[in-house]
């Protein structure tokens, strides 16, 4: 049995490299999102957190060992649609224009206001 100091370098060997692999996969997801959406300038975040819990020895007076675990968390900006425009109708309903979803006030080719709101099917 060999005792190894817990460092970032030795972390690669802990538990067959599972924590290291989880971190690598989170990094790949963050980089892939940067490639997919370079116009979204919000930060992609990858965090490696170590949680330490003291284990008290018999007698309850001294530290015996420390339990620890790692948490890998990645945060990718949410995917958002563009902004659309809707008019407010009676009964708490919204209506958008299929000819101009960005501007419900823009008249379509018929140049008249729509009489009815199409009900969902």
N, C-alpha and C. Protein backbone atom coordinates (compact mmCIF):
# COMPACT_ATOMS: atom_id res chain seq x y z
N UNK A 1 0.85 -1.18 0.00
CA UNK A 1 0.00 0.00 0.00
C UNK A 1 0.89 1.24 0.00
N UNK A 2 0.52 2.17 -0.85
CA UNK A 2 1.25 3.43 -0.94
C UNK A 2 0.29 4.57 -0.62
N UNK A 3 0.68 5.44 0.26
CA UNK A 3 -0.10 6.65 0.52
C UNK A 3 0.40 7.75 -0.39
N UNK A 4 -0.53 8.45 -1.00
CA UNK A 4 -0.17 9.54 -1.91
C UNK A 4 -0.78 10.83 -1.42
N UNK A 5 -0.03 11.89 -1.50
CA UNK A 5 -0.56 13.20 -1.14
C UNK A 5 -1.61 13.59 -2.17
N UNK A 6 -2.73 14.13 -1.69
CA UNK A 6 -3.79 14.58 -2.59
C UNK A 6 -3.41 15.95 -3.16
N UNK A 7 -3.11 15.97 -4.44
CA UNK A 7 -2.78 17.20 -5.16
C UNK A 7 -3.51 17.15 -6.51
N UNK A 8 -3.49 18.26 -7.21
CA UNK A 8 -4.09 18.26 -8.55
C UNK A 8 -3.38 17.26 -9.46
N UNK A 9 -2.08 17.14 -9.28
CA UNK A 9 -1.31 16.20 -10.09
C UNK A 9 -1.69 14.75 -9.78
N UNK A 10 -1.83 14.41 -8.50
CA UNK A 10 -2.15 13.02 -8.14
C UNK A 10 -3.62 12.69 -8.39
N UNK A 11 -4.44 13.70 -8.55
CA UNK A 11 -5.87 13.49 -8.78
C UNK A 11 -6.12 12.67 -10.05
N UNK A 12 -5.20 12.74 -11.00
CA UNK A 12 -5.36 11.98 -12.25
C UNK A 12 -5.42 10.48 -12.00
N UNK A 13 -4.80 10.00 -10.94
CA UNK A 13 -4.76 8.56 -10.67
C UNK A 13 -5.85 8.11 -9.70
N UNK A 14 -6.48 9.03 -9.00
CA UNK A 14 -7.49 8.67 -8.00
C UNK A 14 -8.66 7.95 -8.66
N UNK A 15 -9.01 6.80 -8.12
CA UNK A 15 -10.17 6.02 -8.57
C UNK A 15 -10.15 5.77 -10.08
N UNK A 16 -8.98 5.39 -10.56
CA UNK A 16 -8.86 5.08 -11.99
C UNK A 16 -9.03 6.29 -12.89
N UNK A 17 -8.85 7.48 -12.36
CA UNK A 17 -8.95 8.69 -13.16
C UNK A 17 -10.37 9.19 -13.38
N UNK A 18 -11.32 8.69 -12.60
CA UNK A 18 -12.73 9.07 -12.81
C UNK A 18 -12.98 10.58 -12.65
N UNK A 19 -12.43 11.17 -11.62
CA UNK A 19 -12.64 12.61 -11.40
C UNK A 19 -11.99 13.39 -12.54
N UNK A 20 -10.79 13.01 -12.91
CA UNK A 20 -10.10 13.66 -14.02
C UNK A 20 -10.93 13.56 -15.31
N UNK A 21 -11.51 12.40 -15.56
CA UNK A 21 -12.33 12.19 -16.76
C UNK A 21 -13.61 13.03 -16.72
N UNK A 22 -14.22 13.12 -15.55
CA UNK A 22 -15.43 13.95 -15.41
C UNK A 22 -15.11 15.41 -15.72
N UNK A 23 -13.96 15.88 -15.23
CA UNK A 23 -13.53 17.25 -15.51
C UNK A 23 -13.27 17.43 -17.00
N UNK A 24 -12.60 16.47 -17.63
CA UNK A 24 -12.29 16.55 -19.06
C UNK A 24 -13.58 16.59 -19.89
N UNK A 25 -14.57 15.80 -19.52
CA UNK A 25 -15.84 15.80 -20.25
C UNK A 25 -16.58 17.12 -20.11
N UNK A 26 -16.55 17.70 -18.90
CA UNK A 26 -17.18 19.00 -18.68
C UNK A 26 -16.49 20.08 -19.52
N UNK A 27 -15.17 20.02 -19.60
CA UNK A 27 -14.43 20.97 -20.43
C UNK A 27 -14.82 20.82 -21.91
N UNK A 28 -14.95 19.58 -22.36
CA UNK A 28 -15.34 19.34 -23.76
C UNK A 28 -16.72 19.92 -24.06
N UNK A 29 -17.66 19.76 -23.13
CA UNK A 29 -19.01 20.33 -23.33
C UNK A 29 -18.95 21.85 -23.42
N UNK A 30 -18.14 22.47 -22.57
CA UNK A 30 -18.03 23.93 -22.57
C UNK A 30 -17.39 24.43 -23.86
N UNK A 31 -16.33 23.76 -24.29
CA UNK A 31 -15.65 24.16 -25.53
C UNK A 31 -16.57 23.93 -26.74
N UNK A 32 -17.30 22.80 -26.75
CA UNK A 32 -18.22 22.51 -27.85
C UNK A 32 -19.30 23.58 -27.94
N UNK A 33 -19.77 24.08 -26.79
CA UNK A 33 -20.77 25.14 -26.81
C UNK A 33 -20.17 26.44 -27.34
N UNK A 34 -18.92 26.71 -27.01
CA UNK A 34 -18.24 27.90 -27.57
C UNK A 34 -18.16 27.80 -29.09
N UNK A 35 -17.85 26.60 -29.58
CA UNK A 35 -17.77 26.39 -31.03
C UNK A 35 -19.15 26.52 -31.68
N UNK A 36 -20.17 25.98 -31.03
CA UNK A 36 -21.52 26.00 -31.57
C UNK A 36 -22.14 27.39 -31.56
N UNK A 37 -21.85 28.17 -30.51
CA UNK A 37 -22.48 29.49 -30.36
C UNK A 37 -21.44 30.56 -30.02
N UNK A 38 -20.53 30.87 -30.96
CA UNK A 38 -19.49 31.86 -30.66
C UNK A 38 -20.05 33.27 -30.44
N UNK A 39 -21.27 33.53 -30.91
CA UNK A 39 -21.87 34.85 -30.73
C UNK A 39 -22.44 35.06 -29.33
N UNK A 40 -22.56 33.99 -28.54
CA UNK A 40 -23.01 34.11 -27.15
C UNK A 40 -21.76 34.32 -26.30
N UNK A 41 -21.60 35.53 -25.78
CA UNK A 41 -20.37 35.87 -25.08
C UNK A 41 -20.44 35.65 -23.58
N UNK A 42 -21.55 35.10 -23.08
CA UNK A 42 -21.62 34.75 -21.64
C UNK A 42 -20.62 33.64 -21.36
N UNK A 43 -20.06 33.67 -20.16
CA UNK A 43 -19.03 32.70 -19.78
C UNK A 43 -19.59 31.29 -19.66
N UNK A 44 -18.81 30.33 -20.12
CA UNK A 44 -19.04 28.92 -19.84
C UNK A 44 -18.17 28.61 -18.63
N UNK A 45 -18.71 27.90 -17.66
CA UNK A 45 -17.97 27.69 -16.42
C UNK A 45 -17.80 26.20 -16.16
N UNK A 46 -16.60 25.82 -15.74
CA UNK A 46 -16.32 24.46 -15.30
C UNK A 46 -15.67 24.58 -13.93
N UNK A 47 -16.27 23.92 -12.95
CA UNK A 47 -15.77 24.02 -11.58
C UNK A 47 -15.47 22.63 -11.03
N UNK A 48 -14.35 22.52 -10.35
CA UNK A 48 -13.98 21.32 -9.62
C UNK A 48 -14.00 21.68 -8.15
N UNK A 49 -14.89 21.06 -7.40
CA UNK A 49 -15.05 21.36 -5.99
C UNK A 49 -14.67 20.14 -5.16
N UNK A 50 -13.89 20.35 -4.13
CA UNK A 50 -13.51 19.28 -3.22
C UNK A 50 -14.23 19.52 -1.90
N UNK A 51 -14.96 18.50 -1.43
CA UNK A 51 -15.69 18.59 -0.17
C UNK A 51 -14.99 17.70 0.86
N UNK A 52 -14.60 18.29 1.98
CA UNK A 52 -13.87 17.59 3.04
C UNK A 52 -14.75 17.50 4.28
N UNK A 53 -14.81 16.31 4.88
CA UNK A 53 -15.59 16.11 6.10
C UNK A 53 -14.70 15.40 7.12
N UNK A 54 -14.52 16.02 8.30
CA UNK A 54 -13.69 15.36 9.32
C UNK A 54 -14.41 14.15 9.90
N UNK A 55 -13.64 13.11 10.17
CA UNK A 55 -14.16 11.91 10.83
C UNK A 55 -13.48 11.83 12.20
N UNK A 56 -14.29 11.91 13.24
CA UNK A 56 -13.79 11.93 14.61
C UNK A 56 -13.46 10.50 15.04
N UNK A 57 -12.34 10.35 15.74
CA UNK A 57 -11.92 9.05 16.24
C UNK A 57 -12.72 8.62 17.46
N UNK A 58 -12.44 7.42 17.93
CA UNK A 58 -13.12 6.91 19.12
C UNK A 58 -12.84 7.85 20.29
N UNK A 59 -13.84 8.06 21.07
CA UNK A 59 -13.71 8.99 22.20
C UNK A 59 -14.21 10.37 21.83
N UNK A 60 -14.35 10.64 20.55
CA UNK A 60 -14.93 11.90 20.08
C UNK A 60 -14.13 13.14 20.34
N UNK A 61 -12.81 13.02 20.51
CA UNK A 61 -12.00 14.19 20.85
C UNK A 61 -11.00 14.58 19.78
N UNK A 62 -10.65 13.67 18.89
CA UNK A 62 -9.59 14.00 17.94
C UNK A 62 -9.98 13.57 16.51
N UNK A 63 -9.34 14.19 15.57
CA UNK A 63 -9.55 13.87 14.16
C UNK A 63 -8.89 12.54 13.85
N UNK A 64 -9.66 11.62 13.27
CA UNK A 64 -9.12 10.32 12.88
C UNK A 64 -8.73 10.34 11.41
N UNK A 65 -9.70 10.61 10.56
CA UNK A 65 -9.45 10.68 9.12
C UNK A 65 -10.30 11.80 8.53
N UNK A 66 -10.18 11.99 7.24
CA UNK A 66 -10.99 12.96 6.52
C UNK A 66 -11.62 12.25 5.33
N UNK A 67 -12.94 12.33 5.22
CA UNK A 67 -13.63 11.82 4.03
C UNK A 67 -13.68 12.97 3.03
N UNK A 68 -13.50 12.63 1.76
CA UNK A 68 -13.56 13.68 0.76
C UNK A 68 -14.18 13.15 -0.52
N UNK A 69 -14.77 14.08 -1.25
CA UNK A 69 -15.30 13.75 -2.57
C UNK A 69 -15.21 14.99 -3.44
N UNK A 70 -15.32 14.75 -4.72
CA UNK A 70 -15.23 15.84 -5.69
C UNK A 70 -16.56 16.00 -6.40
N UNK A 71 -16.80 17.23 -6.80
CA UNK A 71 -17.98 17.55 -7.58
C UNK A 71 -17.50 18.35 -8.79
N UNK A 72 -17.86 17.89 -9.96
CA UNK A 72 -17.53 18.62 -11.19
C UNK A 72 -18.82 19.20 -11.72
N UNK A 73 -18.83 20.51 -11.95
CA UNK A 73 -20.04 21.18 -12.41
C UNK A 73 -19.69 22.05 -13.60
N UNK A 74 -20.50 21.90 -14.66
CA UNK A 74 -20.33 22.80 -15.80
C UNK A 74 -21.61 23.58 -16.01
N UNK A 75 -21.45 24.84 -16.36
CA UNK A 75 -22.58 25.73 -16.60
C UNK A 75 -22.44 26.32 -18.00
N UNK A 76 -23.46 26.09 -18.78
CA UNK A 76 -23.51 26.59 -20.16
C UNK A 76 -24.64 27.61 -20.22
N UNK A 77 -24.45 28.75 -20.90
CA UNK A 77 -25.55 29.72 -21.00
C UNK A 77 -26.79 29.06 -21.60
N UNK A 78 -27.94 29.45 -21.09
CA UNK A 78 -29.19 28.90 -21.61
C UNK A 78 -29.38 29.32 -23.06
N UNK A 79 -30.11 28.51 -23.78
CA UNK A 79 -30.42 28.83 -25.18
C UNK A 79 -31.68 29.67 -25.21
N UNK A 80 -31.58 30.82 -25.85
CA UNK A 80 -32.70 31.75 -25.91
C UNK A 80 -33.09 32.00 -27.36
N UNK A 81 -34.37 32.12 -27.59
CA UNK A 81 -34.85 32.47 -28.92
C UNK A 81 -34.71 33.98 -29.11
N UNK A 82 -34.96 34.43 -30.30
CA UNK A 82 -35.00 35.87 -30.50
C UNK A 82 -36.26 36.41 -29.83
N UNK A 83 -36.41 37.72 -29.75
CA UNK A 83 -37.56 38.34 -29.11
C UNK A 83 -38.68 38.47 -30.13
N UNK A 84 -39.87 38.05 -29.74
CA UNK A 84 -41.04 38.13 -30.59
C UNK A 84 -42.01 39.16 -30.02
N UNK A 85 -43.01 39.52 -30.80
CA UNK A 85 -43.98 40.53 -30.41
C UNK A 85 -45.37 39.90 -30.46
N UNK A 86 -46.20 40.25 -29.49
CA UNK A 86 -47.56 39.74 -29.46
C UNK A 86 -48.51 40.83 -29.00
N UNK A 87 -49.74 40.76 -29.49
CA UNK A 87 -50.78 41.65 -29.00
C UNK A 87 -51.56 40.92 -27.91
N UNK A 88 -52.14 41.68 -27.01
CA UNK A 88 -52.90 41.10 -25.91
C UNK A 88 -54.37 41.05 -26.32
N UNK A 89 -54.95 39.87 -26.17
CA UNK A 89 -56.35 39.66 -26.51
C UNK A 89 -57.14 39.37 -25.25
N UNK A 90 -58.45 39.43 -25.34
CA UNK A 90 -59.31 39.17 -24.18
C UNK A 90 -59.07 37.76 -23.65
N UNK A 91 -59.32 37.58 -22.39
CA UNK A 91 -59.15 36.27 -21.78
C UNK A 91 -57.71 35.92 -21.46
N UNK A 92 -56.83 36.93 -21.39
CA UNK A 92 -55.43 36.68 -21.04
C UNK A 92 -54.66 35.92 -22.10
N UNK A 93 -54.99 36.16 -23.37
CA UNK A 93 -54.34 35.47 -24.47
C UNK A 93 -53.38 36.41 -25.20
N UNK A 94 -52.36 35.84 -25.82
CA UNK A 94 -51.43 36.57 -26.67
C UNK A 94 -51.58 36.08 -28.09
N UNK A 95 -51.41 36.99 -29.06
CA UNK A 95 -51.49 36.62 -30.47
C UNK A 95 -50.28 37.19 -31.19
N UNK A 96 -49.60 36.36 -31.98
CA UNK A 96 -48.43 36.80 -32.75
C UNK A 96 -48.75 36.66 -34.23
N UNK A 97 -48.04 37.39 -35.05
CA UNK A 97 -48.26 37.40 -36.50
C UNK A 97 -47.34 36.40 -37.17
N UNK A 98 -47.92 35.52 -38.00
CA UNK A 98 -47.08 34.56 -38.70
C UNK A 98 -46.31 35.21 -39.85
N UNK A 99 -46.73 36.41 -40.27
CA UNK A 99 -45.99 37.12 -41.32
C UNK A 99 -44.85 37.95 -40.76
N UNK A 100 -44.97 38.38 -39.51
CA UNK A 100 -43.92 39.17 -38.88
C UNK A 100 -43.89 38.88 -37.38
N UNK A 101 -43.30 37.75 -36.98
CA UNK A 101 -43.30 37.40 -35.56
C UNK A 101 -42.58 38.41 -34.68
N UNK A 102 -41.66 39.20 -35.26
CA UNK A 102 -40.91 40.18 -34.47
C UNK A 102 -41.70 41.47 -34.24
N UNK A 103 -42.77 41.71 -35.05
CA UNK A 103 -43.53 42.95 -34.91
C UNK A 103 -44.99 42.67 -35.24
N UNK A 104 -45.78 42.44 -34.23
CA UNK A 104 -47.19 42.11 -34.43
C UNK A 104 -47.95 43.29 -35.03
N UNK A 105 -47.44 44.50 -34.89
CA UNK A 105 -48.12 45.69 -35.42
C UNK A 105 -47.91 45.88 -36.92
N UNK A 106 -46.91 45.19 -37.47
CA UNK A 106 -46.64 45.33 -38.90
C UNK A 106 -47.74 44.65 -39.70
N UNK A 107 -48.35 45.38 -40.60
CA UNK A 107 -49.44 44.83 -41.41
C UNK A 107 -48.89 43.88 -42.45
N UNK A 108 -49.64 42.82 -42.71
CA UNK A 108 -49.24 41.86 -43.73
C UNK A 108 -49.55 42.36 -45.12
N UNK A 109 -49.47 41.49 -46.11
CA UNK A 109 -49.71 41.87 -47.49
C UNK A 109 -51.15 42.31 -47.74
N UNK A 110 -52.09 41.86 -46.90
CA UNK A 110 -53.50 42.25 -47.07
C UNK A 110 -53.75 43.67 -46.58
N UNK A 111 -52.82 44.30 -45.87
CA UNK A 111 -52.90 45.66 -45.36
C UNK A 111 -54.14 45.92 -44.50
N UNK A 112 -54.61 44.92 -43.79
CA UNK A 112 -55.74 45.12 -42.89
C UNK A 112 -55.47 44.38 -41.59
N UNK A 113 -56.12 44.81 -40.55
CA UNK A 113 -55.97 44.18 -39.25
C UNK A 113 -56.65 42.82 -39.26
N UNK A 114 -56.05 41.82 -38.64
CA UNK A 114 -56.71 40.51 -38.57
C UNK A 114 -57.96 40.59 -37.70
N UNK A 115 -59.02 39.92 -38.13
CA UNK A 115 -60.28 39.96 -37.39
C UNK A 115 -60.28 38.98 -36.23
N UNK A 116 -59.68 37.80 -36.40
CA UNK A 116 -59.76 36.78 -35.38
C UNK A 116 -58.38 36.22 -35.09
N UNK A 117 -58.26 35.64 -33.92
CA UNK A 117 -57.06 34.94 -33.55
C UNK A 117 -57.28 33.46 -33.79
N UNK A 118 -56.38 32.84 -34.54
CA UNK A 118 -56.50 31.40 -34.83
C UNK A 118 -56.32 30.62 -33.55
N UNK A 119 -57.24 29.73 -33.28
CA UNK A 119 -57.18 28.87 -32.10
C UNK A 119 -56.15 27.78 -32.31
N UNK A 120 -55.43 27.38 -31.28
CA UNK A 120 -54.48 26.28 -31.43
C UNK A 120 -55.21 24.97 -31.74
N UNK A 121 -54.54 24.13 -32.51
CA UNK A 121 -55.16 22.85 -32.91
C UNK A 121 -54.76 21.76 -31.98
